[in-house]
Amino acid sequence: AIVGLTVFVLWEKRQAAPFVDFALFRNTTFTGATISNF
């Protein structure tokens, strides 16, 4: 779980069309709303 999630994040950041676009989390408002929603 730990290694897989770490590799997942690193992999996604290198993709042009990622499964989860982590670039969206540069917007802290989006990040905070999504985390609090979770």
All heavy atoms as atom14 arrays in JSON, in Angstrom:
{
  "sequence": "AIVGLTVFVLWEKRQAAPFVDFALFRNTTFTGATISNF",
  "atom14_mask": [
    [1, 1, 1, 1, 1, 0, 0, 0, 0, 0, 0, 0, 0, 0],
    [1, 1, 1, 1, 1, 1, 1, 1, 0, 0, 0, 0, 0, 0],
    [1, 1, 1, 1, 1, 1, 1, 0, 0, 0, 0, 0, 0, 0],
    [1, 1, 1, 1, 0, 0, 0, 0, 0, 0, 0, 0, 0, 0],
    [1, 1, 1, 1, 1, 1, 1, 1, 0, 0, 0, 0, 0, 0],
    [1, 1, 1, 1, 1, 1, 1, 0, 0, 0, 0, 0, 0, 0],
    [1, 1, 1, 1, 1, 1, 1, 0, 0, 0, 0, 0, 0, 0],
    [1, 1, 1, 1, 1, 1, 1, 1, 1, 1, 1, 0, 0, 0],
    [1, 1, 1, 1, 1, 1, 1, 0, 0, 0, 0, 0, 0, 0],
    [1, 1, 1, 1, 1, 1, 1, 1, 0, 0, 0, 0, 0, 0],
    [1, 1, 1, 1, 1, 1, 1, 1, 1, 1, 1, 1, 1, 1],
    [1, 1, 1, 1, 1, 1, 1, 1, 1, 0, 0, 0, 0, 0],
    [1, 1, 1, 1, 1, 1, 1, 1, 1, 0, 0, 0, 0, 0],
    [1, 1, 1, 1, 1, 1, 1, 1, 1, 1, 1, 0, 0, 0],
    [1, 1, 1, 1, 1, 1, 1, 1, 1, 0, 0, 0, 0, 0],
    [1, 1, 1, 1, 1, 0, 0, 0, 0, 0, 0, 0, 0, 0],
    [1, 1, 1, 1, 1, 0, 0, 0, 0, 0, 0, 0, 0, 0],
    [1, 1, 1, 1, 1, 1, 1, 0, 0, 0, 0, 0, 0, 0],
    [1, 1, 1, 1, 1, 1, 1, 1, 1, 1, 1, 0, 0, 0],
    [1, 1, 1, 1, 1, 1, 1, 0, 0, 0, 0, 0, 0, 0],
    [1, 1, 1, 1, 1, 1, 1, 1, 0, 0, 0, 0, 0, 0],
    [1, 1, 1, 1, 1, 1, 1, 1, 1, 1, 1, 0, 0, 0],
    [1, 1, 1, 1, 1, 0, 0, 0, 0, 0, 0, 0, 0, 0],
    [1, 1, 1, 1, 1, 1, 1, 1, 0, 0, 0, 0, 0, 0],
    [1, 1, 1, 1, 1, 1, 1, 1, 1, 1, 1, 0, 0, 0],
    [1, 1, 1, 1, 1, 1, 1, 1, 1, 1, 1, 0, 0, 0],
    [1, 1, 1, 1, 1, 1, 1, 1, 0, 0, 0, 0, 0, 0],
    [1, 1, 1, 1, 1, 1, 1, 0, 0, 0, 0, 0, 0, 0],
    [1, 1, 1, 1, 1, 1, 1, 0, 0, 0, 0, 0, 0, 0],
    [1, 1, 1, 1, 1, 1, 1, 1, 1, 1, 1, 0, 0, 0],
    [1, 1, 1, 1, 1, 1, 1, 0, 0, 0, 0, 0, 0, 0],
    [1, 1, 1, 1, 0, 0, 0, 0, 0, 0, 0, 0, 0, 0],
    [1, 1, 1, 1, 1, 0, 0, 0, 0, 0, 0, 0, 0, 0],
    [1, 1, 1, 1, 1, 1, 1, 0, 0, 0, 0, 0, 0, 0],
    [1, 1, 1, 1, 1, 1, 1, 1, 0, 0, 0, 0, 0, 0],
    [1, 1, 1, 1, 1, 1, 0, 0, 0, 0, 0, 0, 0, 0],
    [1, 1, 1, 1, 1, 1, 1, 1, 0, 0, 0, 0, 0, 0],
    [1, 1, 1, 1, 1, 1, 1, 1, 1, 1, 1, 0, 0, 0]
  ],
  "atom14_positions": [
    [[0.83, -1.21, 0.0], [0.0, 0.0, 0.0], [0.86, 1.26, 0.0], [0.63, 2.19, -0.79], [-0.93, 0.0, 1.21], [0.0, 0.0, 0.0], [0.0, 0.0, 0.0], [0.0, 0.0, 0.0], [0.0, 0.0, 0.0], [0.0, 0.0, 0.0], [0.0, 0.0, 0.0], [0.0, 0.0, 0.0], [0.0, 0.0, 0.0], [0.0, 0.0, 0.0]],
    [[1.88, 1.3, 0.87], [2.71, 2.5, 1.0], [3.56, 2.72, -0.25], [3.58, 3.81, -0.84], [3.61, 2.38, 2.25], [2.75, 2.39, 3.52], [4.61, 3.54, 2.29], [3.52, 2.05, 4.78], [0.0, 0.0, 0.0], [0.0, 0.0, 0.0], [0.0, 0.0, 0.0], [0.0, 0.0, 0.0], [0.0, 0.0, 0.0], [0.0, 0.0, 0.0]],
    [[4.25, 1.66, -0.68], [5.12, 1.78, -1.86], [4.27, 2.04, -3.1], [4.61, 2.88, -3.95], [5.97, 0.51, -2.04], [6.75, 0.57, -3.36], [6.92, 0.34, -0.87], [0.0, 0.0, 0.0], [0.0, 0.0, 0.0], [0.0, 0.0, 0.0], [0.0, 0.0, 0.0], [0.0, 0.0, 0.0], [0.0, 0.0, 0.0], [0.0, 0.0, 0.0]],
    [[3.15, 1.33, -3.21], [2.28, 1.49, -4.37], [1.75, 2.9, -4.51], [1.75, 3.47, -5.61], [0.0, 0.0, 0.0], [0.0, 0.0, 0.0], [0.0, 0.0, 0.0], [0.0, 0.0, 0.0], [0.0, 0.0, 0.0], [0.0, 0.0, 0.0], [0.0, 0.0, 0.0], [0.0, 0.0, 0.0], [0.0, 0.0, 0.0], [0.0, 0.0, 0.0]],
    [[1.28, 3.49, -3.42], [0.75, 4.85, -3.47], [1.86, 5.86, -3.78], [1.63, 6.85, -4.49], [0.06, 5.2, -2.16], [-1.28, 4.48, -1.92], [-1.8, 4.76, -0.51], [-2.32, 4.89, -2.96], [0.0, 0.0, 0.0], [0.0, 0.0, 0.0], [0.0, 0.0, 0.0], [0.0, 0.0, 0.0], [0.0, 0.0, 0.0], [0.0, 0.0, 0.0]],
    [[3.06, 5.61, -3.24], [4.19, 6.5, -3.53], [4.56, 6.47, -5.01], [4.72, 7.51, -5.66], [5.42, 6.1, -2.68], [5.08, 6.16, -1.29], [6.58, 7.05, -2.95], [0.0, 0.0, 0.0], [0.0, 0.0, 0.0], [0.0, 0.0, 0.0], [0.0, 0.0, 0.0], [0.0, 0.0, 0.0], [0.0, 0.0, 0.0], [0.0, 0.0, 0.0]],
    [[4.67, 5.25, -5.56], [4.98, 5.11, -6.98], [3.87, 5.69, -7.83], [4.12, 6.32, -8.86], [5.21, 3.62, -7.32], [5.38, 3.43, -8.83], [6.42, 3.08, -6.58], [0.0, 0.0, 0.0], [0.0, 0.0, 0.0], [0.0, 0.0, 0.0], [0.0, 0.0, 0.0], [0.0, 0.0, 0.0], [0.0, 0.0, 0.0], [0.0, 0.0, 0.0]],
    [[2.62, 5.52, -7.38], [1.47, 6.05, -8.11], [1.57, 7.56, -8.26], [1.38, 8.11, -9.35], [0.18, 5.66, -7.38], [-1.05, 6.37, -7.88], [-1.59, 6.06, -9.12], [-1.67, 7.35, -7.12], [-2.71, 6.71, -9.59], [-2.8, 8.0, -7.57], [-3.32, 7.68, -8.81], [0.0, 0.0, 0.0], [0.0, 0.0, 0.0], [0.0, 0.0, 0.0]],
    [[1.87, 8.24, -7.16], [1.96, 9.71, -7.21], [3.09, 10.14, -8.14], [2.93, 11.05, -8.97], [2.18, 10.29, -5.79], [2.46, 11.79, -5.85], [0.95, 10.02, -4.91], [0.0, 0.0, 0.0], [0.0, 0.0, 0.0], [0.0, 0.0, 0.0], [0.0, 0.0, 0.0], [0.0, 0.0, 0.0], [0.0, 0.0, 0.0], [0.0, 0.0, 0.0]],
    [[4.25, 9.49, -8.01], [5.39, 9.84, -8.86], [5.09, 9.59, -10.34], [5.44, 10.39, -11.21], [6.63, 9.06, -8.43], [7.16, 9.36, -7.02], [8.31, 8.41, -6.67], [7.63, 10.8, -6.92], [0.0, 0.0, 0.0], [0.0, 0.0, 0.0], [0.0, 0.0, 0.0], [0.0, 0.0, 0.0], [0.0, 0.0, 0.0], [0.0, 0.0, 0.0]],
    [[4.43, 8.47, -10.62], [4.08, 8.13, -12.0], [3.09, 9.14, -12.58], [3.24, 9.59, -13.72], [3.51, 6.72, -12.04], [2.92, 6.33, -13.37], [1.61, 6.33, -13.73], [3.64, 5.89, -14.53], [1.43, 5.93, -15.03], [2.68, 5.66, -15.55], [4.98, 5.68, -14.82], [3.03, 5.21, -16.81], [5.33, 5.24, -16.09], [4.37, 5.01, -17.07]],
    [[2.06, 9.47, -11.8], [1.02, 10.37, -12.29], [1.57, 11.75, -12.64], [1.12, 12.39, -13.59], [-0.1, 10.51, -11.25], [-0.9, 9.23, -11.02], [-1.62, 8.77, -12.27], [-2.69, 9.31, -12.59], [-1.09, 7.86, -12.96], [0.0, 0.0, 0.0], [0.0, 0.0, 0.0], [0.0, 0.0, 0.0], [0.0, 0.0, 0.0], [0.0, 0.0, 0.0]],
    [[2.53, 12.2, -11.87], [3.1, 13.53, -12.11], [3.88, 13.6, -13.42], [4.13, 14.69, -13.93], [4.0, 13.93, -10.94], [3.23, 14.26, -9.67], [4.17, 14.73, -8.56], [3.39, 15.17, -7.32], [4.27, 15.64, -6.24], [0.0, 0.0, 0.0], [0.0, 0.0, 0.0], [0.0, 0.0, 0.0], [0.0, 0.0, 0.0], [0.0, 0.0, 0.0]],
    [[4.24, 12.44, -13.97], [5.02, 12.42, -15.21], [4.16, 12.19, -16.44], [4.67, 12.23, -17.57], [6.08, 11.31, -15.13], [7.1, 11.5, -14.02], [8.01, 10.3, -13.92], [8.67, 9.99, -15.19], [9.4, 8.89, -15.4], [9.54, 7.99, -14.44], [9.97, 8.69, -16.58], [0.0, 0.0, 0.0], [0.0, 0.0, 0.0], [0.0, 0.0, 0.0]],
    [[2.84, 11.95, -16.26], [1.98, 11.61, -17.38], [1.33, 12.84, -18.0], [0.94, 13.78, -17.29], [0.9, 10.62, -16.95], [1.44, 9.34, -16.34], [2.51, 8.69, -17.21], [2.26, 8.34, -18.37], [3.7, 8.54, -16.66], [0.0, 0.0, 0.0], [0.0, 0.0, 0.0], [0.0, 0.0, 0.0], [0.0, 0.0, 0.0], [0.0, 0.0, 0.0]],
    [[1.18, 12.81, -19.34], [0.49, 13.91, -20.03], [-1.01, 13.83, -19.79], [-1.7, 14.86, -19.72], [0.8, 13.84, -21.53], [0.0, 0.0, 0.0], [0.0, 0.0, 0.0], [0.0, 0.0, 0.0], [0.0, 0.0, 0.0], [0.0, 0.0, 0.0], [0.0, 0.0, 0.0], [0.0, 0.0, 0.0], [0.0, 0.0, 0.0], [0.0, 0.0, 0.0]],
    [[-1.55, 12.6, -19.69], [-2.99, 12.42, -19.43], [-3.13, 11.45, -18.26], [-3.47, 10.28, -18.43], [-3.69, 11.87, -20.67], [0.0, 0.0, 0.0], [0.0, 0.0, 0.0], [0.0, 0.0, 0.0], [0.0, 0.0, 0.0], [0.0, 0.0, 0.0], [0.0, 0.0, 0.0], [0.0, 0.0, 0.0], [0.0, 0.0, 0.0], [0.0, 0.0, 0.0]],
    [[-2.88, 11.92, -17.03], [-2.87, 11.03, -15.88], [-4.26, 10.59, -15.45], [-5.26, 11.24, -15.74], [-2.21, 11.88, -14.79], [-2.59, 13.28, -15.16], [-2.59, 13.31, -16.67], [0.0, 0.0, 0.0], [0.0, 0.0, 0.0], [0.0, 0.0, 0.0], [0.0, 0.0, 0.0], [0.0, 0.0, 0.0], [0.0, 0.0, 0.0], [0.0, 0.0, 0.0]],
    [[-4.31, 9.47, -14.74], [-5.56, 8.98, -14.15], [-6.05, 10.0, -13.11], [-7.24, 10.32, -13.05], [-5.31, 7.61, -13.52], [-6.45, 7.11, -12.68], [-7.72, 6.94, -13.21], [-6.24, 6.78, -11.35], [-8.77, 6.48, -12.44], [-7.28, 6.3, -10.57], [-8.55, 6.15, -11.11], [0.0, 0.0, 0.0], [0.0, 0.0, 0.0], [0.0, 0.0, 0.0]],
    [[-5.15, 10.51, -12.29], [-5.44, 11.59, -11.34], [-4.47, 12.73, -11.62], [-3.26, 12.56, -11.51], [-5.3, 11.12, -9.87], [-5.47, 12.29, -8.92], [-6.33, 10.04, -9.55], [0.0, 0.0, 0.0], [0.0, 0.0, 0.0], [0.0, 0.0, 0.0], [0.0, 0.0, 0.0], [0.0, 0.0, 0.0], [0.0, 0.0, 0.0], [0.0, 0.0, 0.0]],
    [[-5.0, 13.88, -11.98], [-4.16, 15.02, -12.34], [-3.78, 15.79, -11.06], [-4.53, 16.62, -10.57], [-4.92, 15.94, -13.3], [-4.04, 17.06, -13.84], [-2.86, 17.12, -13.45], [-4.53, 17.85, -14.67], [0.0, 0.0, 0.0], [0.0, 0.0, 0.0], [0.0, 0.0, 0.0], [0.0, 0.0, 0.0], [0.0, 0.0, 0.0], [0.0, 0.0, 0.0]],
    [[-2.59, 15.5, -10.54], [-2.15, 16.13, -9.29], [-1.83, 17.62, -9.48], [-1.68, 18.34, -8.5], [-0.93, 15.4, -8.73], [-1.29, 14.1, -8.05], [-1.15, 12.9, -8.72], [-1.77, 14.09, -6.75], [-1.49, 11.7, -8.11], [-2.11, 12.9, -6.14], [-1.97, 11.7, -6.81], [0.0, 0.0, 0.0], [0.0, 0.0, 0.0], [0.0, 0.0, 0.0]],
    [[-1.73, 18.07, -10.73], [-1.49, 19.5, -10.97], [-2.65, 20.34, -10.43], [-2.48, 21.5, -10.06], [-1.3, 19.75, -12.46], [0.0, 0.0, 0.0], [0.0, 0.0, 0.0], [0.0, 0.0, 0.0], [0.0, 0.0, 0.0], [0.0, 0.0, 0.0], [0.0, 0.0, 0.0], [0.0, 0.0, 0.0], [0.0, 0.0, 0.0], [0.0, 0.0, 0.0]],
    [[-3.85, 19.74, -10.37], [-5.01, 20.47, -9.84], [-4.82, 20.85, -8.38], [-5.39, 21.83, -7.9], [-6.27, 19.61, -9.98], [-6.74, 19.3, -11.41], [-7.91, 18.33, -11.38], [-7.16, 20.59, -12.11], [0.0, 0.0, 0.0], [0.0, 0.0, 0.0], [0.0, 0.0, 0.0], [0.0, 0.0, 0.0], [0.0, 0.0, 0.0], [0.0, 0.0, 0.0]],
    [[-4.01, 20.08, -7.65], [-3.82, 20.34, -6.23], [-2.88, 21.52, -5.96], [-2.62, 21.86, -4.81], [-3.31, 19.07, -5.53], [-4.36, 17.99, -5.45], [-4.4, 16.97, -6.39], [-5.33, 18.01, -4.46], [-5.37, 15.99, -6.34], [-6.3, 17.03, -4.39], [-6.32, 16.01, -5.33], [0.0, 0.0, 0.0], [0.0, 0.0, 0.0], [0.0, 0.0, 0.0]],
    [[-2.37, 22.13, -7.03], [-1.61, 23.37, -6.83], [-2.55, 24.49, -6.39], [-2.09, 25.48, -5.8], [-0.91, 23.77, -8.14], [0.17, 22.77, -8.58], [0.66, 23.1, -9.98], [1.6, 22.08, -10.46], [1.98, 21.95, -11.72], [1.51, 22.8, -12.63], [2.81, 20.99, -12.08], [0.0, 0.0, 0.0], [0.0, 0.0, 0.0], [0.0, 0.0, 0.0]],
    [[-3.82, 24.34, -6.69], [-4.84, 25.29, -6.21], [-5.21, 24.86, -4.79], [-5.86, 23.84, -4.58], [-6.06, 25.24, -7.13], [-7.12, 26.26, -6.74], [-7.5, 26.36, -5.58], [-7.61, 26.98, -7.72], [0.0, 0.0, 0.0], [0.0, 0.0, 0.0], [0.0, 0.0, 0.0], [0.0, 0.0, 0.0], [0.0, 0.0, 0.0], [0.0, 0.0, 0.0]],
    [[-4.78, 25.63, -3.81], [-4.98, 25.23, -2.42], [-6.45, 25.2, -2.03], [-6.85, 24.42, -1.16], [-4.22, 26.18, -1.47], [-4.63, 27.53, -1.73], [-2.73, 26.06, -1.65], [0.0, 0.0, 0.0], [0.0, 0.0, 0.0], [0.0, 0.0, 0.0], [0.0, 0.0, 0.0], [0.0, 0.0, 0.0], [0.0, 0.0, 0.0], [0.0, 0.0, 0.0]],
    [[-7.28, 26.04, -2.65], [-8.7, 26.01, -2.34], [-9.31, 24.68, -2.79], [-10.08, 24.06, -2.04], [-9.44, 27.17, -3.04], [-8.83, 28.41, -2.63], [-10.91, 27.19, -2.67], [0.0, 0.0, 0.0], [0.0, 0.0, 0.0], [0.0, 0.0, 0.0], [0.0, 0.0, 0.0], [0.0, 0.0, 0.0], [0.0, 0.0, 0.0], [0.0, 0.0, 0.0]],
    [[-8.97, 24.23, -3.98], [-9.42, 22.93, -4.46], [-8.91, 21.82, -3.53], [-9.65, 20.9, -3.17], [-8.93, 22.69, -5.89], [-9.21, 21.32, -6.41], [-10.46, 21.0, -6.92], [-8.22, 20.34, -6.39], [-10.72, 19.72, -7.4], [-8.47, 19.06, -6.87], [-9.73, 18.75, -7.37], [0.0, 0.0, 0.0], [0.0, 0.0, 0.0], [0.0, 0.0, 0.0]],
    [[-7.65, 21.92, -3.14], [-7.05, 20.92, -2.27], [-7.78, 20.84, -0.93], [-8.14, 19.75, -0.46], [-5.56, 21.23, -2.02], [-4.88, 21.26, -3.28], [-4.93, 20.2, -1.12], [0.0, 0.0, 0.0], [0.0, 0.0, 0.0], [0.0, 0.0, 0.0], [0.0, 0.0, 0.0], [0.0, 0.0, 0.0], [0.0, 0.0, 0.0], [0.0, 0.0, 0.0]],
    [[-8.01, 21.99, -0.31], [-8.67, 22.01, 0.99], [-10.09, 21.49, 0.93], [-10.54, 20.75, 1.81], [0.0, 0.0, 0.0], [0.0, 0.0, 0.0], [0.0, 0.0, 0.0], [0.0, 0.0, 0.0], [0.0, 0.0, 0.0], [0.0, 0.0, 0.0], [0.0, 0.0, 0.0], [0.0, 0.0, 0.0], [0.0, 0.0, 0.0], [0.0, 0.0, 0.0]],
    [[-10.82, 21.89, -0.12], [-12.21, 21.43, -0.25], [-12.24, 19.92, -0.5], [-13.09, 19.22, 0.05], [-12.89, 22.17, -1.39], [0.0, 0.0, 0.0], [0.0, 0.0, 0.0], [0.0, 0.0, 0.0], [0.0, 0.0, 0.0], [0.0, 0.0, 0.0], [0.0, 0.0, 0.0], [0.0, 0.0, 0.0], [0.0, 0.0, 0.0], [0.0, 0.0, 0.0]],
    [[-11.32, 19.41, -1.32], [-11.3, 17.99, -1.62], [-10.91, 17.17, -0.39], [-11.51, 16.12, -0.1], [-10.33, 17.7, -2.78], [-10.72, 18.46, -3.92], [-10.33, 16.23, -3.14], [0.0, 0.0, 0.0], [0.0, 0.0, 0.0], [0.0, 0.0, 0.0], [0.0, 0.0, 0.0], [0.0, 0.0, 0.0], [0.0, 0.0, 0.0], [0.0, 0.0, 0.0]],
    [[-9.9, 17.64, 0.35], [-9.48, 16.92, 1.56], [-10.59, 16.93, 2.6], [-10.9, 15.89, 3.21], [-8.19, 17.54, 2.13], [-7.01, 17.27, 1.2], [-7.9, 16.99, 3.53], [-5.73, 17.95, 1.6], [0.0, 0.0, 0.0], [0.0, 0.0, 0.0], [0.0, 0.0, 0.0], [0.0, 0.0, 0.0], [0.0, 0.0, 0.0], [0.0, 0.0, 0.0]],
    [[-11.2, 18.07, 2.83], [-12.27, 18.14, 3.83], [-13.48, 17.31, 3.37], [-14.18, 16.71, 4.19], [-12.68, 19.58, 4.1], [-13.21, 20.21, 2.93], [0.0, 0.0, 0.0], [0.0, 0.0, 0.0], [0.0, 0.0, 0.0], [0.0, 0.0, 0.0], [0.0, 0.0, 0.0], [0.0, 0.0, 0.0], [0.0, 0.0, 0.0], [0.0, 0.0, 0.0]],
    [[-13.72, 17.26, 2.06], [-14.79, 16.42, 1.52], [-14.51, 14.95, 1.8], [-15.4, 14.2, 2.21], [-14.9, 16.67, 0.01], [-15.95, 15.82, -0.66], [-17.08, 15.7, -0.18], [-15.59, 15.21, -1.78], [0.0, 0.0, 0.0], [0.0, 0.0, 0.0], [0.0, 0.0, 0.0], [0.0, 0.0, 0.0], [0.0, 0.0, 0.0], [0.0, 0.0, 0.0]],
    [[-13.28, 14.53, 1.58], [-12.86, 13.15, 1.89], [-13.09, 12.85, 3.37], [-13.66, 11.82, 3.74], [-11.38, 12.98, 1.53], [-10.81, 11.63, 1.89], [-10.84, 10.58, 0.98], [-10.24, 11.42, 3.14], [-10.31, 9.34, 1.32], [-9.71, 10.19, 3.49], [-9.74, 9.14, 2.58], [0.0, 0.0, 0.0], [0.0, 0.0, 0.0], [0.0, 0.0, 0.0]]
  ]
}
